[in-house]
Every structure is written in structure tokens, then in C-alpha cells.
Amino acid sequence: MGNTYGMRVTGESTSGRYCLIDMHVPDGGGPPPHRPDFEEMFTILEGEIVRLPR
């Protein structure tokens, strides 16, 4: 879908406790709706995220 991901910090380097992924996501891109079994946090540097209705 045109997404570009780069691993900044891997889970392997932190014994699975943390990872940091740099994501460049075009309009309309990104993962489908999901519920991960871990915590997620996003920092938006440009643009916005729109939450779709369920």
C-alpha cells in the first residue's frame, strides 16, 4: 500500500520489551483495524490520523 517502515530500535535489542518503528504512511494507507496484544503509541509529525467508525 506504499507504506515505508524502518526499525529504529528492535525488540531483539531490548529483550522484547520495546521497539521503535519509523513509519511513512501515504493518505489512505496504514494497517487495517486491529487490536494488538501489546501497547502502541503514535507520534504524528505531519498530517493527521482519522479514526473510522466501527
Protein backbone atom coordinates (compact mmCIF):
# COMPACT_ATOMS: atom_id res chain seq x y z
CA MET A 1 0.00 0.00 0.00
CA GLY A 2 3.01 2.32 -0.25
CA ASN A 3 3.89 2.26 3.45
CA THR A 4 7.58 2.54 4.32
CA TYR A 5 8.79 1.19 7.67
CA GLY A 6 12.22 1.46 9.27
CA MET A 7 13.25 -0.16 12.53
CA ARG A 8 14.95 2.40 14.81
CA VAL A 9 15.10 0.18 17.91
CA THR A 10 14.37 -3.55 17.64
CA GLY A 11 12.65 -5.77 20.14
CA GLU A 12 15.64 -8.08 19.84
CA SER A 13 17.95 -5.35 21.16
CA THR A 14 15.66 -4.72 24.18
CA SER A 15 14.85 -8.33 25.13
CA GLY A 16 11.39 -7.90 23.62
CA ARG A 17 10.47 -5.01 25.91
CA TYR A 18 10.35 -2.16 23.38
CA CYS A 19 10.68 -1.35 19.70
CA LEU A 20 10.56 1.88 17.74
CA ILE A 21 9.40 1.92 14.12
CA ASP A 22 9.65 4.92 11.80
CA MET A 23 6.60 4.81 9.51
CA HIS A 24 5.89 6.87 6.41
CA VAL A 25 2.25 6.22 5.52
CA PRO A 26 0.56 7.84 2.50
CA ASP A 27 -3.05 9.06 2.56
CA GLY A 28 -5.37 6.08 2.88
CA GLY A 29 -2.50 3.78 3.92
CA GLY A 30 -1.71 2.03 7.15
CA PRO A 31 -2.77 -1.25 8.70
CA PRO A 32 -6.37 -2.44 8.74
CA PRO A 33 -8.32 -2.08 12.01
CA HIS A 34 -6.83 -4.43 14.60
CA ARG A 35 -6.32 -4.99 18.33
CA PRO A 36 -2.70 -5.70 19.14
CA ASP A 37 -1.78 -7.72 22.23
CA PHE A 38 0.70 -5.02 23.24
CA GLU A 39 0.70 -1.27 23.83
CA GLU A 40 1.03 1.07 20.86
CA MET A 41 1.84 4.75 20.78
CA PHE A 42 1.97 7.07 17.80
CA THR A 43 3.62 10.46 17.35
CA ILE A 44 2.33 12.30 14.29
CA LEU A 45 4.91 14.61 12.74
CA GLU A 46 2.84 15.75 9.78
CA GLY A 47 -0.79 15.28 8.74
CA GLU A 48 -3.43 13.61 10.89
CA ILE A 49 -4.93 10.23 11.76
CA VAL A 50 -8.65 9.80 11.20
CA ARG A 51 -10.39 7.08 13.19
CA LEU A 52 -13.00 5.32 11.11
CA PRO A 53 -16.38 4.48 12.64
CA ARG A 54 -16.85 0.88 13.76
